[in-house]
Amino acid sequence: MQRGFLKPFSDTKYHIPDFQRASQSIRGRKEAFNKRHSSLRGVIERSFGVWKKKWVILRDMPTYPFKKQVKIVVATMALHNYIRRHPSRDDPEFNVCDEDQSYIPPEAYEYRIGQSLIDNEGDMTNHEAEDGEGAEEMIQLREQITSTLVNEMN
């Protein structure tokens, strides 16, 4: 946990398939947060996968200065938003994702993005990192979000 990074609760189930096997049941506030966090992560991974499929420059970013790389990413996001907001424009890559909410393009898995540590390492070893600067603020934010989710469920 650190400023700008809101990690899930580590002592409860997290991945959407875990919830699907348990008949979508949510037990407790931590699972409520983790399910939403995991769902949001899937949306983000699908988006990056489609961007990387659509704009190859994102997969194989040349050695431009960092500021130029940021501009390239922002430009592709703007193009993406333009295409998505205009129904006359067809976006076949995102159509696949719209039809299957669990589909994640293979491009999203480059550089180990989208894979759990268990999938990558083949074991259940705890790979927790120490909390960084701003961790306490993020813990408070996570608690606020969790309380709001639990209140919405009731």
N, C-alpha and C. Protein backbone atom coordinates (compact mmCIF):
# COMPACT_ATOMS: atom_id res chain seq x y z
N MET A 1 0.85 -1.17 0.00
CA MET A 1 0.00 0.00 0.00
C MET A 1 0.89 1.23 0.00
N GLN A 2 0.59 2.15 -0.88
CA GLN A 2 1.31 3.42 -0.90
C GLN A 2 0.43 4.45 -1.61
N ARG A 3 0.80 5.71 -1.49
CA ARG A 3 0.00 6.76 -2.10
C ARG A 3 -0.18 6.46 -3.59
N GLY A 4 -1.41 6.46 -4.03
CA GLY A 4 -1.70 6.19 -5.44
C GLY A 4 -1.92 4.72 -5.76
N PHE A 5 -1.72 3.84 -4.82
CA PHE A 5 -1.92 2.41 -5.06
C PHE A 5 -2.81 1.85 -3.96
N LEU A 6 -3.99 1.43 -4.34
CA LEU A 6 -4.98 0.92 -3.40
C LEU A 6 -5.08 -0.58 -3.58
N LYS A 7 -4.41 -1.32 -2.72
CA LYS A 7 -4.38 -2.77 -2.88
C LYS A 7 -5.59 -3.41 -2.19
N PRO A 8 -5.96 -4.60 -2.64
CA PRO A 8 -7.08 -5.30 -2.00
C PRO A 8 -6.67 -5.83 -0.63
N PHE A 9 -7.67 -6.30 0.12
CA PHE A 9 -7.38 -6.96 1.39
C PHE A 9 -6.71 -8.29 1.06
N SER A 10 -5.59 -8.57 1.70
CA SER A 10 -4.80 -9.75 1.33
C SER A 10 -5.26 -11.02 2.04
N ASP A 11 -6.10 -10.91 3.06
CA ASP A 11 -6.47 -12.09 3.84
C ASP A 11 -7.85 -12.63 3.50
N THR A 12 -8.32 -12.39 2.26
CA THR A 12 -9.62 -12.90 1.84
C THR A 12 -9.62 -13.11 0.33
N LYS A 13 -10.65 -13.81 -0.20
CA LYS A 13 -10.64 -14.12 -1.63
C LYS A 13 -10.71 -12.85 -2.45
N TYR A 14 -10.17 -12.94 -3.66
CA TYR A 14 -10.02 -11.75 -4.50
C TYR A 14 -10.49 -11.96 -5.93
N HIS A 15 -10.06 -13.01 -6.59
CA HIS A 15 -10.31 -13.17 -8.03
C HIS A 15 -11.77 -13.52 -8.31
N ILE A 16 -12.30 -12.95 -9.38
CA ILE A 16 -13.70 -13.14 -9.76
C ILE A 16 -14.06 -14.62 -9.87
N PRO A 17 -13.22 -15.50 -10.46
CA PRO A 17 -13.58 -16.92 -10.50
C PRO A 17 -13.80 -17.51 -9.10
N ASP A 18 -13.10 -17.02 -8.10
CA ASP A 18 -13.33 -17.49 -6.73
C ASP A 18 -14.76 -17.18 -6.29
N PHE A 19 -15.25 -16.00 -6.64
CA PHE A 19 -16.62 -15.63 -6.28
C PHE A 19 -17.63 -16.42 -7.11
N GLN A 20 -17.31 -16.68 -8.39
CA GLN A 20 -18.21 -17.44 -9.24
C GLN A 20 -18.38 -18.86 -8.72
N ARG A 21 -17.28 -19.46 -8.25
CA ARG A 21 -17.37 -20.82 -7.71
C ARG A 21 -18.19 -20.84 -6.42
N ALA A 22 -18.23 -19.72 -5.72
CA ALA A 22 -18.98 -19.65 -4.46
C ALA A 22 -20.37 -19.07 -4.67
N SER A 23 -20.93 -19.25 -5.86
CA SER A 23 -22.28 -18.78 -6.20
C SER A 23 -22.45 -17.29 -5.98
N GLN A 24 -21.40 -16.53 -6.30
CA GLN A 24 -21.42 -15.08 -6.21
C GLN A 24 -21.60 -14.55 -4.78
N SER A 25 -21.57 -15.44 -3.79
CA SER A 25 -21.80 -15.00 -2.41
C SER A 25 -20.62 -14.18 -1.90
N ILE A 26 -20.97 -13.15 -1.14
CA ILE A 26 -19.97 -12.28 -0.54
C ILE A 26 -20.15 -12.36 0.96
N ARG A 27 -19.08 -12.73 1.64
CA ARG A 27 -19.12 -12.82 3.09
C ARG A 27 -18.25 -11.73 3.70
N GLY A 28 -18.88 -10.71 4.18
CA GLY A 28 -18.14 -9.68 4.88
C GLY A 28 -17.70 -8.51 4.02
N ARG A 29 -17.28 -7.51 4.70
CA ARG A 29 -16.91 -6.25 4.07
C ARG A 29 -15.65 -6.36 3.22
N LYS A 30 -14.69 -7.17 3.66
CA LYS A 30 -13.46 -7.30 2.89
C LYS A 30 -13.72 -7.96 1.54
N GLU A 31 -14.57 -8.97 1.51
CA GLU A 31 -14.89 -9.62 0.24
C GLU A 31 -15.68 -8.67 -0.66
N ALA A 32 -16.53 -7.83 -0.08
CA ALA A 32 -17.28 -6.86 -0.89
C ALA A 32 -16.31 -5.93 -1.62
N PHE A 33 -15.31 -5.43 -0.88
CA PHE A 33 -14.31 -4.55 -1.50
C PHE A 33 -13.49 -5.31 -2.54
N ASN A 34 -13.01 -6.49 -2.18
CA ASN A 34 -12.14 -7.24 -3.08
C ASN A 34 -12.84 -7.61 -4.38
N LYS A 35 -14.13 -7.94 -4.31
CA LYS A 35 -14.85 -8.32 -5.53
C LYS A 35 -14.94 -7.11 -6.47
N ARG A 36 -15.25 -5.95 -5.92
CA ARG A 36 -15.32 -4.76 -6.77
C ARG A 36 -13.94 -4.38 -7.30
N HIS A 37 -12.93 -4.50 -6.47
CA HIS A 37 -11.55 -4.17 -6.87
C HIS A 37 -11.13 -5.09 -8.02
N SER A 38 -11.41 -6.39 -7.89
CA SER A 38 -11.04 -7.36 -8.91
C SER A 38 -11.79 -7.10 -10.22
N SER A 39 -13.06 -6.75 -10.10
CA SER A 39 -13.87 -6.45 -11.27
C SER A 39 -13.32 -5.23 -12.02
N LEU A 40 -12.98 -4.20 -11.26
CA LEU A 40 -12.42 -3.00 -11.87
C LEU A 40 -11.07 -3.30 -12.52
N ARG A 41 -10.27 -4.11 -11.87
CA ARG A 41 -8.97 -4.49 -12.43
C ARG A 41 -9.16 -5.20 -13.78
N GLY A 42 -10.18 -6.06 -13.88
CA GLY A 42 -10.45 -6.74 -15.14
C GLY A 42 -10.80 -5.77 -16.25
N VAL A 43 -11.59 -4.75 -15.93
CA VAL A 43 -11.95 -3.72 -16.92
C VAL A 43 -10.70 -3.00 -17.40
N ILE A 44 -9.84 -2.65 -16.47
CA ILE A 44 -8.61 -1.94 -16.83
C ILE A 44 -7.71 -2.82 -17.69
N GLU A 45 -7.58 -4.10 -17.33
CA GLU A 45 -6.75 -5.01 -18.12
C GLU A 45 -7.30 -5.19 -19.53
N ARG A 46 -8.64 -5.31 -19.65
CA ARG A 46 -9.23 -5.41 -20.98
C ARG A 46 -8.93 -4.16 -21.80
N SER A 47 -9.06 -3.00 -21.18
CA SER A 47 -8.80 -1.74 -21.89
C SER A 47 -7.36 -1.68 -22.38
N PHE A 48 -6.41 -1.98 -21.52
CA PHE A 48 -5.01 -1.94 -21.94
C PHE A 48 -4.73 -3.00 -23.00
N GLY A 49 -5.36 -4.16 -22.87
CA GLY A 49 -5.16 -5.19 -23.88
C GLY A 49 -5.64 -4.75 -25.25
N VAL A 50 -6.81 -4.11 -25.30
CA VAL A 50 -7.33 -3.62 -26.57
C VAL A 50 -6.46 -2.49 -27.11
N TRP A 51 -6.06 -1.58 -26.24
CA TRP A 51 -5.19 -0.49 -26.71
C TRP A 51 -3.91 -1.04 -27.31
N LYS A 52 -3.30 -2.02 -26.64
CA LYS A 52 -2.05 -2.58 -27.12
C LYS A 52 -2.26 -3.37 -28.42
N LYS A 53 -3.45 -3.94 -28.59
CA LYS A 53 -3.76 -4.67 -29.83
C LYS A 53 -3.99 -3.68 -30.96
N LYS A 54 -4.65 -2.59 -30.66
CA LYS A 54 -5.02 -1.60 -31.67
C LYS A 54 -3.82 -0.72 -32.06
N TRP A 55 -3.03 -0.30 -31.09
CA TRP A 55 -1.89 0.58 -31.34
C TRP A 55 -0.61 -0.13 -30.93
N VAL A 56 0.06 -0.69 -31.91
CA VAL A 56 1.26 -1.48 -31.68
C VAL A 56 2.34 -0.66 -30.98
N ILE A 57 2.34 0.63 -31.19
CA ILE A 57 3.37 1.47 -30.56
C ILE A 57 3.33 1.33 -29.04
N LEU A 58 2.18 1.00 -28.46
CA LEU A 58 2.07 0.81 -27.01
C LEU A 58 2.72 -0.50 -26.56
N ARG A 59 2.73 -1.49 -27.44
CA ARG A 59 3.36 -2.77 -27.11
C ARG A 59 4.86 -2.68 -27.19
N ASP A 60 5.32 -1.99 -28.19
CA ASP A 60 6.76 -1.91 -28.46
C ASP A 60 7.18 -0.44 -28.46
N MET A 61 7.01 0.21 -27.32
CA MET A 61 7.30 1.64 -27.21
C MET A 61 8.77 1.91 -27.53
N PRO A 62 9.00 2.73 -28.55
CA PRO A 62 10.40 3.09 -28.85
C PRO A 62 11.02 3.83 -27.65
N THR A 63 12.29 3.99 -27.69
CA THR A 63 12.99 4.62 -26.57
C THR A 63 12.87 6.14 -26.64
N TYR A 64 11.63 6.62 -26.70
CA TYR A 64 11.38 8.06 -26.65
C TYR A 64 11.57 8.53 -25.22
N PRO A 65 11.81 9.84 -25.06
CA PRO A 65 11.84 10.39 -23.70
C PRO A 65 10.49 10.14 -23.01
N PHE A 66 10.51 10.04 -21.70
CA PHE A 66 9.31 9.70 -20.94
C PHE A 66 8.14 10.65 -21.26
N LYS A 67 8.40 11.96 -21.36
CA LYS A 67 7.32 12.91 -21.65
C LYS A 67 6.64 12.61 -22.98
N LYS A 68 7.42 12.19 -23.96
CA LYS A 68 6.84 11.85 -25.27
C LYS A 68 6.04 10.56 -25.17
N GLN A 69 6.52 9.58 -24.38
CA GLN A 69 5.77 8.35 -24.19
C GLN A 69 4.41 8.65 -23.55
N VAL A 70 4.38 9.54 -22.58
CA VAL A 70 3.13 9.92 -21.93
C VAL A 70 2.18 10.51 -22.96
N LYS A 71 2.69 11.37 -23.83
CA LYS A 71 1.85 11.99 -24.87
C LYS A 71 1.28 10.93 -25.82
N ILE A 72 2.08 9.94 -26.14
CA ILE A 72 1.61 8.86 -27.03
C ILE A 72 0.46 8.10 -26.36
N VAL A 73 0.62 7.77 -25.09
CA VAL A 73 -0.44 7.05 -24.37
C VAL A 73 -1.71 7.90 -24.30
N VAL A 74 -1.57 9.17 -23.97
CA VAL A 74 -2.74 10.06 -23.88
C VAL A 74 -3.40 10.20 -25.25
N ALA A 75 -2.62 10.31 -26.31
CA ALA A 75 -3.20 10.43 -27.66
C ALA A 75 -3.99 9.18 -28.03
N THR A 76 -3.46 8.00 -27.71
CA THR A 76 -4.21 6.77 -28.03
C THR A 76 -5.47 6.67 -27.19
N MET A 77 -5.42 7.15 -25.95
CA MET A 77 -6.64 7.16 -25.12
C MET A 77 -7.69 8.09 -25.73
N ALA A 78 -7.26 9.25 -26.20
CA ALA A 78 -8.19 10.20 -26.81
C ALA A 78 -8.83 9.59 -28.06
N LEU A 79 -8.00 8.95 -28.88
CA LEU A 79 -8.54 8.29 -30.07
C LEU A 79 -9.53 7.19 -29.69
N HIS A 80 -9.17 6.42 -28.69
CA HIS A 80 -10.06 5.37 -28.20
C HIS A 80 -11.41 5.96 -27.77
N ASN A 81 -11.36 7.01 -26.97
CA ASN A 81 -12.60 7.63 -26.48
C ASN A 81 -13.43 8.19 -27.63
N TYR A 82 -12.78 8.77 -28.62
CA TYR A 82 -13.49 9.28 -29.79
C TYR A 82 -14.22 8.15 -30.52
N ILE A 83 -13.52 7.07 -30.74
CA ILE A 83 -14.13 5.92 -31.44
C ILE A 83 -15.31 5.38 -30.63
N ARG A 84 -15.14 5.23 -29.32
CA ARG A 84 -16.18 4.66 -28.47
C ARG A 84 -17.41 5.55 -28.37
N ARG A 85 -17.22 6.85 -28.43
CA ARG A 85 -18.36 7.78 -28.24
C ARG A 85 -19.15 8.01 -29.51
N HIS A 86 -18.66 7.61 -30.63
CA HIS A 86 -19.36 7.83 -31.89
C HIS A 86 -19.86 6.49 -32.42
N PRO A 87 -21.17 6.25 -32.29
CA PRO A 87 -21.72 4.95 -32.68
C PRO A 87 -21.51 4.62 -34.15
N SER A 88 -21.26 5.63 -34.98
CA SER A 88 -21.04 5.33 -36.40
C SER A 88 -19.67 4.68 -36.62
N ARG A 89 -18.80 4.76 -35.64
CA ARG A 89 -17.47 4.15 -35.74
C ARG A 89 -17.54 2.75 -35.12
N ASP A 90 -17.06 1.78 -35.84
CA ASP A 90 -17.07 0.42 -35.31
C ASP A 90 -15.71 0.12 -34.69
N ASP A 91 -15.71 -0.50 -33.53
CA ASP A 91 -14.48 -0.85 -32.83
C ASP A 91 -14.48 -2.35 -32.58
N PRO A 92 -14.03 -3.14 -33.56
CA PRO A 92 -14.14 -4.60 -33.44
C PRO A 92 -13.42 -5.18 -32.23
N GLU A 93 -12.30 -4.59 -31.84
CA GLU A 93 -11.57 -5.11 -30.68
C GLU A 93 -12.40 -4.97 -29.41
N PHE A 94 -13.01 -3.80 -29.24
CA PHE A 94 -13.83 -3.61 -28.05
C PHE A 94 -15.17 -4.33 -28.15
N ASN A 95 -15.66 -4.58 -29.36
CA ASN A 95 -16.90 -5.34 -29.50
C ASN A 95 -16.76 -6.71 -28.88
N VAL A 96 -15.59 -7.33 -29.05
CA VAL A 96 -15.34 -8.65 -28.46
C VAL A 96 -15.42 -8.55 -26.94
N CYS A 97 -14.81 -7.51 -26.38
CA CYS A 97 -14.83 -7.33 -24.92
C CYS A 97 -16.24 -7.01 -24.42
N ASP A 98 -16.99 -6.24 -25.21
CA ASP A 98 -18.36 -5.91 -24.80
C ASP A 98 -19.25 -7.14 -24.76
N GLU A 99 -19.00 -8.10 -25.66
CA GLU A 99 -19.80 -9.31 -25.71
C GLU A 99 -19.44 -10.30 -24.61
N ASP A 100 -18.19 -10.31 -24.20
CA ASP A 100 -17.73 -11.26 -23.18
C ASP A 100 -16.95 -10.50 -22.11
N GLN A 101 -17.61 -10.21 -21.00
CA GLN A 101 -17.01 -9.40 -19.93
C GLN A 101 -15.78 -10.04 -19.31
N SER A 102 -15.58 -11.33 -19.50
CA SER A 102 -14.41 -11.99 -18.91
C SER A 102 -13.24 -12.09 -19.89
N TYR A 103 -13.45 -11.70 -21.16
CA TYR A 103 -12.39 -11.79 -22.16
C TYR A 103 -11.33 -10.72 -21.91
N ILE A 104 -10.09 -11.13 -21.90
CA ILE A 104 -8.97 -10.20 -21.81
C ILE A 104 -8.03 -10.54 -22.97
N PRO A 105 -7.78 -9.57 -23.85
CA PRO A 105 -6.89 -9.85 -24.99
C PRO A 105 -5.52 -10.33 -24.52
N PRO A 106 -4.92 -11.24 -25.26
CA PRO A 106 -3.61 -11.76 -24.87
C PRO A 106 -2.56 -10.67 -24.70
N GLU A 107 -2.71 -9.57 -25.43
CA GLU A 107 -1.74 -8.48 -25.33
C GLU A 107 -1.67 -7.91 -23.92
N ALA A 108 -2.74 -8.04 -23.14
CA ALA A 108 -2.75 -7.52 -21.78
C ALA A 108 -1.80 -8.29 -20.88
N TYR A 109 -1.47 -9.52 -21.25
CA TYR A 109 -0.64 -10.35 -20.39
C TYR A 109 0.85 -10.19 -20.63
N GLU A 110 1.22 -9.36 -21.59
CA GLU A 110 2.65 -9.11 -21.80
C GLU A 110 3.20 -8.43 -20.55
N TYR A 111 4.42 -8.70 -20.26
CA TYR A 111 5.09 -8.14 -19.09
C TYR A 111 4.40 -8.52 -17.80
N ARG A 112 3.74 -9.68 -17.77
CA ARG A 112 3.11 -10.25 -16.58
C ARG A 112 1.93 -9.44 -16.06
N ILE A 113 1.43 -8.48 -16.84
CA ILE A 113 0.25 -7.73 -16.43
C ILE A 113 -0.94 -8.68 -16.50
N GLY A 114 -1.79 -8.62 -15.51
CA GLY A 114 -3.01 -9.40 -15.54
C GLY A 114 -2.89 -10.80 -14.99
N GLN A 115 -1.73 -11.22 -14.55
CA GLN A 115 -1.57 -12.56 -14.01
C GLN A 115 -1.29 -12.44 -12.52
N SER A 116 -1.86 -13.35 -11.78
CA SER A 116 -1.58 -13.32 -10.35
C SER A 116 -0.18 -13.87 -10.09
N LEU A 117 0.35 -13.59 -8.93
CA LEU A 117 1.66 -14.12 -8.58
C LEU A 117 1.64 -15.65 -8.54
N ILE A 118 0.52 -16.22 -8.16
CA ILE A 118 0.40 -17.68 -8.12
C ILE A 118 0.55 -18.25 -9.53
N ASP A 119 -0.13 -17.61 -10.52
CA ASP A 119 -0.02 -18.07 -11.90
C ASP A 119 1.42 -17.96 -12.39
N ASN A 120 2.10 -16.89 -12.01
CA ASN A 120 3.46 -16.64 -12.50
C ASN A 120 4.50 -17.51 -11.81
N GLU A 121 4.36 -17.67 -10.53
CA GLU A 121 5.40 -18.33 -9.76
C GLU A 121 5.12 -19.81 -9.50
N GLY A 122 3.85 -20.22 -9.66
CA GLY A 122 3.50 -21.62 -9.46
C GLY A 122 3.44 -22.04 -8.01
N ASP A 123 3.41 -21.08 -7.10
CA ASP A 123 3.28 -21.44 -5.69
C ASP A 123 2.44 -20.39 -4.98
N MET A 124 2.21 -20.64 -3.71
CA MET A 124 1.36 -19.74 -2.92
C MET A 124 2.21 -18.87 -1.99
N THR A 125 3.46 -18.69 -2.30
CA THR A 125 4.35 -17.92 -1.44
C THR A 125 3.83 -16.50 -1.31
N ASN A 126 3.91 -15.97 -0.12
CA ASN A 126 3.46 -14.61 0.12
C ASN A 126 4.51 -13.65 -0.43
N HIS A 127 4.11 -12.83 -1.40
CA HIS A 127 5.01 -11.88 -2.03
C HIS A 127 4.65 -10.45 -1.63
N GLU A 128 4.17 -10.26 -0.42
CA GLU A 128 3.77 -8.94 0.04
C GLU A 128 4.98 -8.01 0.15
N ALA A 129 4.80 -6.81 -0.31
CA ALA A 129 5.85 -5.80 -0.17
C ALA A 129 5.50 -4.94 1.04
N GLU A 130 6.49 -4.26 1.53
CA GLU A 130 6.25 -3.36 2.66
C GLU A 130 5.46 -2.16 2.17
N ASP A 131 4.63 -1.61 3.07
CA ASP A 131 3.87 -0.41 2.73
C ASP A 131 4.82 0.76 2.55
N GLY A 132 4.44 1.68 1.64
CA GLY A 132 5.28 2.84 1.36
C GLY A 132 4.67 4.12 1.89
N GLU A 133 5.20 5.23 1.42
CA GLU A 133 4.73 6.54 1.84
C GLU A 133 3.26 6.73 1.47
N GLY A 134 2.48 7.24 2.38
CA GLY A 134 1.07 7.47 2.13
C GLY A 134 0.19 6.25 2.38
N ALA A 135 0.76 5.20 2.94
CA ALA A 135 0.00 3.96 3.15
C ALA A 135 -1.19 4.19 4.08
N GLU A 136 -0.99 4.97 5.11
CA GLU A 136 -2.07 5.18 6.07
C GLU A 136 -3.27 5.88 5.43
N GLU A 137 -3.01 6.86 4.56
CA GLU A 137 -4.11 7.53 3.85
C GLU A 137 -4.86 6.54 2.97
N MET A 138 -4.12 5.66 2.30
CA MET A 138 -4.75 4.69 1.41
C MET A 138 -5.55 3.66 2.20
N ILE A 139 -5.06 3.28 3.36
CA ILE A 139 -5.82 2.36 4.22
C ILE A 139 -7.14 3.01 4.63
N GLN A 140 -7.09 4.29 4.99
CA GLN A 140 -8.31 5.01 5.37
C GLN A 140 -9.27 5.11 4.18
N LEU A 141 -8.73 5.39 2.99
CA LEU A 141 -9.56 5.47 1.80
C LEU A 141 -10.21 4.12 1.52
N ARG A 142 -9.43 3.05 1.62
CA ARG A 142 -9.99 1.71 1.40
C ARG A 142 -11.12 1.43 2.38
N GLU A 143 -10.94 1.81 3.63
CA GLU A 143 -11.99 1.63 4.64
C GLU A 143 -13.24 2.44 4.31
N GLN A 144 -13.06 3.67 3.83
CA GLN A 144 -14.21 4.50 3.44
C GLN A 144 -14.97 3.86 2.28
N ILE A 145 -14.23 3.42 1.28
CA ILE A 145 -14.86 2.78 0.12
C ILE A 145 -15.59 1.51 0.56
N THR A 146 -14.95 0.72 1.39
CA THR A 146 -15.55 -0.53 1.87
C THR A 146 -16.84 -0.24 2.63
N SER A 147 -16.83 0.76 3.49
CA SER A 147 -18.04 1.11 4.25
C SER A 147 -19.16 1.54 3.32
N THR A 148 -18.83 2.33 2.29
CA THR A 148 -19.84 2.76 1.33
C THR A 148 -20.42 1.56 0.59
N LEU A 149 -19.57 0.64 0.16
CA LEU A 149 -20.05 -0.55 -0.55
C LEU A 149 -20.99 -1.37 0.32
N VAL A 150 -20.60 -1.57 1.58
CA VAL A 150 -21.41 -2.38 2.51
C VAL A 150 -22.76 -1.68 2.74
N ASN A 151 -22.75 -0.37 2.89
CA ASN A 151 -24.00 0.38 3.10
C ASN A 151 -24.91 0.27 1.88
N GLU A 152 -24.33 0.29 0.67
CA GLU A 152 -25.12 0.14 -0.57
C GLU A 152 -25.73 -1.25 -0.66
N MET A 153 -25.03 -2.25 -0.15
CA MET A 153 -25.53 -3.63 -0.23
C MET A 153 -26.71 -3.84 0.73
N ASN A 154 -26.76 -3.09 1.80
CA ASN A 154 -27.84 -3.26 2.81
C ASN A 154 -29.06 -2.46 2.48
